[in-house]
Structures are given as C-alpha cells and as structure tokens.
N, C-alpha and C. Protein backbone atom coordinates (compact mmCIF):
# COMPACT_ATOMS: atom_id res chain seq x y z
N MET A 1 9.53 -39.15 -181.25
CA MET A 1 10.80 -38.59 -181.27
C MET A 1 11.05 -38.48 -182.78
N LYS A 2 11.72 -37.20 -183.45
CA LYS A 2 11.95 -37.06 -184.92
C LYS A 2 13.38 -37.71 -184.81
N GLU A 3 13.39 -38.36 -186.07
CA GLU A 3 14.99 -39.03 -186.27
C GLU A 3 15.16 -37.88 -187.56
N GLU A 4 16.50 -37.27 -187.40
CA GLU A 4 16.77 -36.28 -188.27
C GLU A 4 18.28 -36.71 -189.09
N THR A 5 18.36 -36.70 -190.17
CA THR A 5 19.37 -37.13 -190.86
C THR A 5 19.59 -36.11 -192.11
N PRO A 6 20.60 -36.10 -192.64
CA PRO A 6 20.53 -35.22 -193.93
C PRO A 6 19.18 -35.17 -194.86
N LYS A 7 18.76 -36.41 -194.89
CA LYS A 7 17.37 -36.56 -195.79
C LYS A 7 16.20 -36.52 -194.85
N ASP A 8 16.48 -36.24 -193.60
CA ASP A 8 15.34 -36.11 -192.85
C ASP A 8 14.43 -37.49 -192.60
N ILE A 9 15.08 -38.43 -192.38
CA ILE A 9 14.43 -39.92 -192.35
C ILE A 9 13.62 -39.69 -191.18
N THR A 10 12.22 -39.30 -191.38
CA THR A 10 11.10 -39.47 -190.45
C THR A 10 10.72 -40.93 -190.15
N PRO A 11 10.09 -41.07 -189.20
CA PRO A 11 9.23 -42.42 -188.80
C PRO A 11 8.66 -42.94 -190.19
N ILE A 12 7.62 -41.94 -190.70
CA ILE A 12 7.10 -42.60 -191.96
C ILE A 12 8.06 -42.65 -193.04
N LYS A 13 9.09 -41.81 -193.35
CA LYS A 13 9.99 -42.13 -194.45
C LYS A 13 10.64 -43.56 -194.17
N ARG A 14 11.19 -43.95 -192.99
CA ARG A 14 11.77 -45.08 -192.36
C ARG A 14 10.87 -46.20 -192.79
N ARG A 15 9.46 -45.90 -192.56
CA ARG A 15 8.57 -47.20 -192.80
C ARG A 15 8.47 -47.28 -194.41
N GLY A 16 8.56 -46.01 -195.30
CA GLY A 16 8.55 -46.58 -196.64
C GLY A 16 10.01 -47.38 -197.15
N ILE A 17 10.90 -47.08 -196.39
CA ILE A 17 11.90 -48.29 -196.80
C ILE A 17 11.79 -49.49 -196.55
N GLU A 18 11.19 -49.74 -195.22
CA GLU A 18 10.82 -50.99 -194.91
C GLU A 18 9.87 -51.78 -195.91
N ILE A 19 8.79 -50.95 -196.26
CA ILE A 19 7.76 -51.39 -197.04
C ILE A 19 8.32 -52.11 -198.27
N ALA A 20 9.35 -51.05 -198.78
CA ALA A 20 10.25 -51.80 -200.12
C ALA A 20 10.85 -52.79 -199.85
N VAL A 21 11.60 -52.91 -198.81
CA VAL A 21 12.35 -54.24 -198.40
C VAL A 21 11.50 -55.14 -198.36
N ASN A 22 10.31 -55.15 -197.54
CA ASN A 22 9.41 -56.31 -197.28
C ASN A 22 8.98 -56.79 -198.72
N GLY A 23 8.65 -55.67 -199.64
CA GLY A 23 8.34 -56.34 -200.73
C GLY A 23 9.29 -57.28 -201.63
N LEU A 24 10.79 -56.93 -201.38
CA LEU A 24 11.60 -57.62 -201.77
C LEU A 24 11.56 -59.08 -201.18
N LYS A 25 11.34 -59.20 -199.94
CA LYS A 25 11.43 -60.20 -199.28
C LYS A 25 10.45 -61.18 -199.83
N LYS A 26 9.44 -60.85 -200.05
CA LYS A 26 8.23 -61.54 -200.65
C LYS A 26 8.59 -62.19 -202.10
N LEU A 27 9.59 -61.63 -202.96
CA LEU A 27 9.98 -61.88 -204.23
C LEU A 27 11.16 -62.60 -204.09
N TYR A 28 12.05 -62.46 -202.83
CA TYR A 28 13.37 -63.21 -202.93
C TYR A 28 13.27 -63.58 -201.59
N PRO A 29 13.13 -65.03 -201.25
CA PRO A 29 12.88 -65.50 -199.74
C PRO A 29 14.27 -65.44 -198.82
N PHE A 30 15.65 -65.21 -199.57
CA PHE A 30 16.86 -65.04 -199.01
C PHE A 30 17.23 -63.72 -198.40
N VAL A 31 16.28 -62.78 -198.89
CA VAL A 31 16.47 -61.54 -198.04
C VAL A 31 15.77 -61.50 -196.74
N VAL A 32 16.69 -61.23 -195.83
CA VAL A 32 16.09 -61.33 -194.43
C VAL A 32 16.09 -59.73 -193.81
N GLY A 33 16.42 -58.81 -194.20
CA GLY A 33 16.26 -57.40 -193.68
C GLY A 33 17.28 -56.74 -194.50
N TYR A 34 17.84 -55.59 -193.96
CA TYR A 34 18.60 -54.40 -194.56
C TYR A 34 18.98 -53.67 -193.43
N GLU A 35 20.20 -52.91 -193.49
CA GLU A 35 20.70 -51.87 -192.83
C GLU A 35 21.07 -50.69 -193.93
N ASP A 36 21.00 -49.57 -193.23
CA ASP A 36 21.50 -48.35 -193.97
C ASP A 36 22.87 -48.38 -194.45
N ASP A 37 23.20 -48.28 -195.49
CA ASP A 37 24.77 -48.16 -195.66
C ASP A 37 25.53 -47.20 -195.05
N ASP A 38 26.75 -47.47 -194.54
CA ASP A 38 27.38 -46.47 -193.81
C ASP A 38 28.65 -45.68 -194.72
N THR A 39 28.59 -46.00 -195.87
CA THR A 39 29.28 -45.18 -196.83
C THR A 39 28.81 -43.81 -197.14
N ASP A 40 29.44 -42.94 -197.85
CA ASP A 40 28.69 -41.67 -198.38
C ASP A 40 27.54 -41.86 -198.98
N GLN A 41 26.34 -41.05 -198.55
CA GLN A 41 25.34 -40.93 -199.23
C GLN A 41 25.21 -39.84 -200.16
N TYR A 42 24.35 -39.99 -201.01
CA TYR A 42 24.06 -38.69 -201.93
C TYR A 42 22.53 -38.18 -202.00
N GLU A 43 22.44 -36.85 -201.98
CA GLU A 43 21.24 -36.28 -201.91
C GLU A 43 20.05 -37.05 -202.80
N SER A 44 20.37 -37.59 -204.05
CA SER A 44 19.58 -37.99 -204.96
C SER A 44 19.23 -39.57 -204.71
N ALA A 45 20.01 -40.16 -203.86
CA ALA A 45 20.07 -41.46 -203.62
C ALA A 45 20.30 -42.07 -202.16
N HIS A 46 19.59 -43.09 -201.59
CA HIS A 46 19.76 -43.50 -200.30
C HIS A 46 20.19 -44.84 -200.55
N TYR A 47 21.36 -45.37 -199.86
CA TYR A 47 22.14 -46.69 -200.18
C TYR A 47 21.72 -47.55 -198.99
N ILE A 48 21.24 -48.73 -199.17
CA ILE A 48 21.25 -49.69 -197.99
C ILE A 48 21.78 -50.96 -198.50
N ASN A 49 22.16 -51.73 -197.51
CA ASN A 49 22.67 -53.18 -197.60
C ASN A 49 21.71 -54.29 -197.32
N LEU A 50 21.41 -54.91 -198.11
CA LEU A 50 20.55 -56.18 -197.90
C LEU A 50 21.22 -57.38 -197.07
N ILE A 51 20.47 -57.70 -196.20
CA ILE A 51 21.03 -58.72 -195.44
C ILE A 51 20.44 -60.16 -195.96
N ILE A 52 21.30 -61.18 -196.34
CA ILE A 52 21.04 -62.35 -197.09
C ILE A 52 21.39 -63.58 -196.31
N ASP A 53 20.36 -64.32 -196.35
CA ASP A 53 20.57 -65.74 -195.82
C ASP A 53 21.08 -66.44 -196.90
N ASN A 54 22.56 -66.74 -196.82
CA ASN A 54 23.24 -67.44 -197.74
C ASN A 54 22.85 -69.04 -198.09
N ASP A 55 22.35 -69.50 -197.37
CA ASP A 55 21.69 -71.07 -197.59
C ASP A 55 20.40 -71.07 -198.32
N LYS A 56 19.34 -70.01 -198.10
CA LYS A 56 18.17 -69.68 -198.83
C LYS A 56 18.69 -69.41 -200.04
N LEU A 57 19.66 -68.48 -200.19
CA LEU A 57 20.16 -67.84 -201.51
C LEU A 57 20.52 -69.15 -202.43
N SER A 58 21.39 -70.13 -201.68
CA SER A 58 21.93 -71.22 -202.58
C SER A 58 20.76 -72.06 -203.02
N GLU A 59 19.67 -72.21 -202.23
CA GLU A 59 18.50 -72.93 -202.59
C GLU A 59 17.77 -72.35 -203.77
N TYR A 60 17.78 -71.05 -203.35
CA TYR A 60 16.83 -70.39 -204.64
C TYR A 60 17.65 -70.33 -205.94
N MET A 61 18.90 -70.16 -205.84
CA MET A 61 19.79 -70.33 -207.12
C MET A 61 20.20 -71.65 -207.70
N ASP A 62 19.54 -72.78 -206.90
CA ASP A 62 19.88 -74.11 -207.12
C ASP A 62 21.54 -74.59 -207.40
N THR A 63 22.32 -73.54 -206.56
CA THR A 63 23.61 -73.59 -206.90
C THR A 63 24.30 -73.61 -205.20
N PRO A 64 25.42 -74.61 -205.01
CA PRO A 64 25.97 -74.85 -203.77
C PRO A 64 26.60 -73.54 -203.22
N VAL A 65 26.72 -73.34 -201.93
CA VAL A 65 27.61 -72.31 -201.21
C VAL A 65 28.91 -72.75 -201.31
N ASN A 66 30.03 -71.98 -201.88
CA ASN A 66 31.38 -72.25 -201.85
C ASN A 66 31.74 -72.69 -200.50
N PRO A 67 32.11 -74.04 -200.13
CA PRO A 67 32.44 -74.67 -198.88
C PRO A 67 33.52 -73.47 -198.03
N TYR A 68 34.55 -72.90 -198.63
CA TYR A 68 35.16 -72.00 -198.03
C TYR A 68 34.41 -70.95 -197.52
N TRP A 69 33.55 -70.30 -198.14
CA TRP A 69 32.88 -69.08 -197.49
C TRP A 69 31.91 -69.57 -196.67
N LYS A 70 31.15 -70.83 -196.96
CA LYS A 70 30.29 -71.42 -195.75
C LYS A 70 31.06 -71.55 -194.35
N ASN A 71 32.21 -71.89 -194.24
CA ASN A 71 33.03 -71.96 -193.21
C ASN A 71 33.28 -70.71 -192.80
N PHE A 72 33.76 -69.55 -193.55
CA PHE A 72 33.96 -68.31 -193.16
C PHE A 72 32.87 -67.70 -192.47
N ILE A 73 31.60 -67.69 -193.18
CA ILE A 73 30.44 -67.09 -192.29
C ILE A 73 30.05 -67.83 -190.91
N GLU A 74 30.37 -69.09 -191.10
CA GLU A 74 30.07 -69.97 -189.80
C GLU A 74 30.78 -69.54 -188.55
N THR A 75 32.21 -69.26 -188.94
CA THR A 75 33.25 -68.79 -187.89
C THR A 75 33.44 -67.27 -187.55
N ASN A 76 32.63 -66.35 -188.46
CA ASN A 76 32.75 -65.00 -188.22
C ASN A 76 31.27 -64.73 -188.12
N PRO A 77 30.64 -64.49 -187.00
CA PRO A 77 29.50 -64.32 -186.85
C PRO A 77 29.01 -62.79 -187.22
N GLN A 78 29.65 -61.94 -187.41
CA GLN A 78 29.26 -60.60 -187.98
C GLN A 78 29.12 -60.80 -189.27
N HIS A 79 28.29 -59.77 -189.98
CA HIS A 79 27.96 -59.80 -191.36
C HIS A 79 29.23 -59.53 -192.22
N SER A 80 29.32 -60.22 -193.28
CA SER A 80 30.42 -59.97 -194.43
C SER A 80 29.87 -59.25 -195.50
N LYS A 81 30.25 -58.06 -195.79
CA LYS A 81 29.60 -57.33 -196.95
C LYS A 81 30.38 -57.71 -198.18
N VAL A 82 29.49 -58.04 -199.20
CA VAL A 82 29.83 -57.91 -200.47
C VAL A 82 29.15 -57.24 -201.35
N TYR A 83 29.74 -57.09 -202.60
CA TYR A 83 28.98 -56.03 -203.58
C TYR A 83 28.48 -56.86 -204.78
N ALA A 84 28.46 -58.49 -204.75
CA ALA A 84 27.83 -59.13 -205.72
C ALA A 84 27.02 -60.30 -204.64
N VAL A 85 25.84 -60.31 -204.86
CA VAL A 85 24.98 -61.28 -204.16
C VAL A 85 25.27 -62.73 -204.48
N TRP A 86 25.91 -62.81 -205.40
CA TRP A 86 26.27 -64.23 -205.94
C TRP A 86 27.82 -64.80 -205.40
N SER A 87 28.50 -63.74 -204.67
CA SER A 87 29.95 -64.13 -204.56
C SER A 87 30.26 -65.36 -203.86
N TYR A 88 29.36 -65.67 -202.90
CA TYR A 88 29.65 -66.93 -202.07
C TYR A 88 29.09 -68.27 -202.72
N LEU A 89 28.41 -68.22 -203.92
CA LEU A 89 28.14 -69.36 -204.36
C LEU A 89 28.93 -70.03 -205.24
N LYS A 90 28.71 -71.29 -205.48
CA LYS A 90 29.71 -72.07 -206.38
C LYS A 90 29.27 -72.27 -207.73
N PHE A 91 29.66 -71.29 -208.65
CA PHE A 91 29.13 -71.51 -209.97
C PHE A 91 30.41 -72.09 -210.73
N PRO A 92 30.09 -72.77 -211.84
CA PRO A 92 31.14 -73.02 -212.99
C PRO A 92 31.96 -71.90 -213.27
N ASP A 93 33.48 -72.20 -213.39
CA ASP A 93 34.22 -71.11 -213.62
C ASP A 93 34.08 -70.44 -214.95
N ASP A 94 33.61 -71.18 -215.97
CA ASP A 94 33.38 -70.68 -217.42
C ASP A 94 32.12 -69.78 -217.31
N MET A 95 31.36 -69.57 -216.03
CA MET A 95 30.33 -68.63 -216.40
C MET A 95 30.91 -67.27 -216.07
N LEU A 96 31.98 -67.12 -215.56
CA LEU A 96 32.32 -65.71 -215.48
C LEU A 96 33.03 -65.26 -216.64
N GLU A 97 33.26 -65.83 -217.89
CA GLU A 97 33.63 -65.31 -219.00
C GLU A 97 32.91 -64.23 -219.54
N ASP A 98 31.52 -64.00 -219.48
CA ASP A 98 30.63 -63.29 -219.92
C ASP A 98 29.74 -62.90 -218.74
N ILE A 99 30.12 -62.02 -217.79
CA ILE A 99 29.43 -61.57 -216.83
C ILE A 99 28.04 -61.03 -216.93
N SER A 100 27.70 -60.60 -217.90
CA SER A 100 26.30 -60.14 -218.23
C SER A 100 25.22 -61.28 -218.32
N ASN A 101 25.79 -62.46 -218.57
CA ASN A 101 25.03 -63.66 -218.63
C ASN A 101 25.03 -64.41 -217.48
N HIS A 102 25.78 -64.09 -216.60
CA HIS A 102 26.06 -64.92 -215.30
C HIS A 102 24.62 -64.76 -214.54
N PRO A 103 24.20 -66.15 -214.06
CA PRO A 103 22.53 -66.04 -213.41
C PRO A 103 22.76 -65.27 -212.04
N GLY A 104 23.72 -65.05 -211.54
CA GLY A 104 23.96 -64.16 -210.12
C GLY A 104 24.01 -62.94 -210.60
N TYR A 105 24.57 -62.41 -211.35
CA TYR A 105 24.58 -61.00 -212.09
C TYR A 105 23.13 -60.61 -212.53
N LYS A 106 22.39 -61.59 -213.25
CA LYS A 106 21.12 -61.17 -213.82
C LYS A 106 20.20 -60.93 -212.42
N LEU A 107 20.54 -61.88 -211.42
CA LEU A 107 19.61 -61.63 -210.12
C LEU A 107 19.77 -60.59 -209.49
N MET A 108 21.01 -60.15 -209.41
CA MET A 108 21.58 -58.87 -208.68
C MET A 108 20.97 -57.63 -209.49
N GLU A 109 20.84 -57.65 -210.66
CA GLU A 109 20.23 -56.52 -211.57
C GLU A 109 18.68 -56.46 -211.39
N GLU A 110 18.09 -57.60 -211.36
CA GLU A 110 16.65 -57.86 -211.29
C GLU A 110 16.16 -57.29 -209.69
N MET A 111 17.04 -57.60 -208.74
CA MET A 111 16.88 -57.39 -207.46
C MET A 111 16.85 -55.70 -207.43
N LYS A 112 17.97 -55.05 -208.12
CA LYS A 112 17.96 -53.57 -207.94
C LYS A 112 16.77 -53.02 -208.50
N GLY A 113 16.44 -53.63 -209.86
CA GLY A 113 15.11 -52.91 -210.26
C GLY A 113 14.02 -53.01 -209.85
N ASN A 114 13.71 -54.29 -209.13
CA ASN A 114 12.46 -54.30 -208.28
C ASN A 114 12.54 -53.41 -207.08
N LEU A 115 13.69 -53.24 -206.41
CA LEU A 115 13.71 -52.31 -205.33
C LEU A 115 13.24 -50.97 -205.81
N ASP A 116 13.92 -50.61 -206.93
CA ASP A 116 13.33 -49.24 -207.23
C ASP A 116 12.03 -48.99 -207.79
N ASP A 117 11.63 -50.09 -208.25
CA ASP A 117 10.18 -50.10 -208.78
C ASP A 117 9.19 -50.19 -207.49
N LEU A 118 9.56 -50.92 -206.59
CA LEU A 118 8.57 -51.03 -205.22
C LEU A 118 8.63 -49.64 -204.56
N TYR A 119 9.80 -49.26 -204.47
CA TYR A 119 9.83 -47.70 -203.61
C TYR A 119 9.20 -46.74 -204.27
N SER A 120 9.32 -46.72 -205.84
CA SER A 120 8.88 -45.49 -206.52
C SER A 120 7.27 -45.70 -206.65
N TYR A 121 6.51 -46.86 -206.38
CA TYR A 121 5.15 -46.94 -206.19
C TYR A 121 4.57 -46.79 -205.19
N LEU A 122 5.44 -46.37 -203.98
CA LEU A 122 4.84 -45.73 -202.71
C LEU A 122 4.13 -44.48 -202.84
N PRO A 123 3.08 -44.11 -201.95
CA PRO A 123 2.49 -42.79 -201.83
C PRO A 123 3.85 -41.67 -201.58
N GLU A 124 3.83 -40.37 -202.02
CA GLU A 124 4.78 -39.44 -201.84
C GLU A 124 5.39 -39.41 -200.40
N GLU A 125 4.31 -39.66 -199.43
CA GLU A 125 4.74 -39.10 -198.03
C GLU A 125 5.61 -40.23 -197.34
N TYR A 126 5.73 -41.58 -198.11
CA TYR A 126 6.33 -42.35 -197.70
C TYR A 126 7.95 -42.27 -197.89
N LYS A 127 8.23 -41.41 -199.16
CA LYS A 127 9.39 -41.51 -199.84
C LYS A 127 10.43 -40.36 -199.42
N LEU A 128 11.58 -40.40 -199.21
CA LEU A 128 12.48 -39.54 -199.09
C LEU A 128 12.57 -38.51 -200.14
N GLN A 129 12.83 -37.39 -199.78
CA GLN A 129 12.98 -36.15 -200.97
C GLN A 129 14.13 -35.50 -200.68
N TYR A 130 14.73 -34.64 -201.52
CA TYR A 130 15.47 -33.66 -201.30
C TYR A 130 15.15 -32.48 -202.45
N PRO A 131 15.65 -31.33 -201.76
CA PRO A 131 15.23 -29.89 -202.59
C PRO A 131 16.19 -29.57 -203.56
N SER A 132 15.59 -28.89 -204.54
CA SER A 132 16.42 -28.64 -205.77
C SER A 132 17.46 -27.59 -205.07
N ARG A 133 18.42 -27.43 -206.13
CA ARG A 133 19.68 -26.64 -205.67
C ARG A 133 19.37 -25.43 -206.21
N SER A 134 18.16 -25.12 -207.29
CA SER A 134 17.93 -24.02 -208.17
C SER A 134 17.67 -22.97 -207.20
N GLY A 135 18.13 -21.68 -207.38
CA GLY A 135 17.78 -20.54 -206.72
C GLY A 135 16.58 -19.81 -207.33
N TRP A 136 16.20 -20.55 -208.45
CA TRP A 136 15.24 -19.59 -209.34
C TRP A 136 13.71 -19.83 -208.84
N ILE A 137 13.62 -20.78 -208.03
CA ILE A 137 12.10 -20.72 -207.67
C ILE A 137 11.88 -20.94 -206.13
N ASP A 138 10.96 -20.20 -205.55
CA ASP A 138 11.01 -20.09 -204.11
C ASP A 138 9.62 -20.51 -203.70
N PRO A 139 9.16 -21.60 -203.09
CA PRO A 139 10.29 -22.64 -202.43
C PRO A 139 10.78 -23.29 -203.38
N PRO A 140 11.91 -24.11 -203.27
CA PRO A 140 12.40 -24.78 -204.33
C PRO A 140 11.79 -26.39 -204.46
N PRO A 141 11.70 -26.85 -205.59
CA PRO A 141 10.88 -28.04 -205.75
C PRO A 141 11.51 -29.11 -204.99
N MET A 142 10.76 -30.08 -204.63
CA MET A 142 11.25 -31.31 -203.90
C MET A 142 11.30 -32.49 -204.98
N TYR A 143 12.61 -33.16 -205.02
CA TYR A 143 12.63 -34.34 -205.91
C TYR A 143 12.78 -35.64 -205.11
N ASN A 144 12.10 -36.59 -205.43
CA ASN A 144 12.36 -38.13 -204.76
C ASN A 144 13.75 -38.47 -204.88
N VAL A 145 13.95 -39.13 -203.66
CA VAL A 145 15.42 -39.91 -203.52
C VAL A 145 15.11 -41.34 -204.06
N HIS A 146 16.13 -41.82 -204.91
CA HIS A 146 15.89 -43.37 -205.35
C HIS A 146 16.71 -44.44 -204.14
N LEU A 147 16.05 -45.28 -203.86
CA LEU A 147 16.44 -46.17 -202.75
C LEU A 147 17.36 -47.20 -203.65
N LYS A 148 18.40 -47.37 -203.20
CA LYS A 148 19.35 -48.25 -203.98
C LYS A 148 20.28 -49.18 -203.10
N ILE A 149 20.63 -50.45 -203.73
CA ILE A 149 21.41 -51.52 -202.94
C ILE A 149 22.69 -50.98 -203.28
N ASN A 150 23.46 -51.01 -202.10
CA ASN A 150 25.07 -50.81 -202.32
C ASN A 150 25.67 -52.28 -202.00
N GLY A 151 25.48 -52.93 -200.94
CA GLY A 151 26.12 -54.06 -200.87
C GLY A 151 25.08 -55.20 -200.25
N PHE A 152 25.69 -56.34 -200.01
CA PHE A 152 24.95 -57.49 -199.53
C PHE A 152 25.65 -57.95 -198.07
N LEU A 153 24.84 -58.10 -197.15
CA LEU A 153 25.63 -58.64 -196.01
C LEU A 153 25.10 -60.16 -195.68
N MET A 154 26.29 -60.90 -195.77
CA MET A 154 25.91 -62.37 -195.85
C MET A 154 25.83 -62.83 -194.49
N THR A 155 24.71 -63.82 -194.22
CA THR A 155 24.80 -64.49 -192.94
C THR A 155 24.38 -65.89 -193.23
C-alpha cells in the first residue's frame, strides 16, 4: 500500500528517514527513535522529533537530570516535547551566559549537522524530493528535501 503525503513519503522514502535516524542512534546512544513532527512542514524540509532517553543523555553529557524534570517525566508517561535537547539536564547557571558555548547547545547543533549529513549521503531513491515551481522547464526539476530536527521528545 502506498503512503501518500504532500512529499509522497513512500515506504522506500520512509526507510531513508529511518536509516538516517539509525545512524544518529549509533553516534548518540540516547536517541531511541523519532516521530514525524506534526507542525507545519515545508516543501524543502521534513521535520522530525527525536525521542530521547533522558537518563542516557545524562550519562552521555556527564551531567545529572534536573530532579524536577526527572519526577515530571516519571509521572507523565506521554512524551514531553522540548526544543533544546539539554533542557532537562542540571548544568551550572553560569553556563547560560553564553549559550553558543554551552555544551548542550553544541551537542544539539552537532546532532542537527550529523542528521543532515547522514541523510544527504543516502542514494537518491531514499530521499524525499519536491518539484521546482518554475514554469520554465518541463518537466520541472526535482530538489532534495532536507531532513531536520524540530524538537525532542523526552522519555
């Protein structure tokens, strides 16, 4: 059965997303999966939310989970979406003075870059594509969609 969406995410295109996320899992053991993001999508980008094991993230970053959020996650079994992977970790307050040097911010930027790289190296048949809106060329050229992280679902 063919899955149809605005980007025509066929089973082989879905497999491309899964391959890229599996590559991230190998680099970052706290990534346990993904879901398509349910907010507005754009032709040139497909947004996903990574599912994160907060305890494994804490081990990876060698920083404890903020006790408030640890309790929150345990009492709320549904995923809690955040836009900064390090939000629930307990870093010293002075680290927030220059966010670009914050280890959690650096990790998040590294993850986004690695996902984009992993996805870009896949064979064309695994990548989502969208047609040019230019009316000059028939048929219109196809452009690759970028796979992007929108948020993080903490477990």
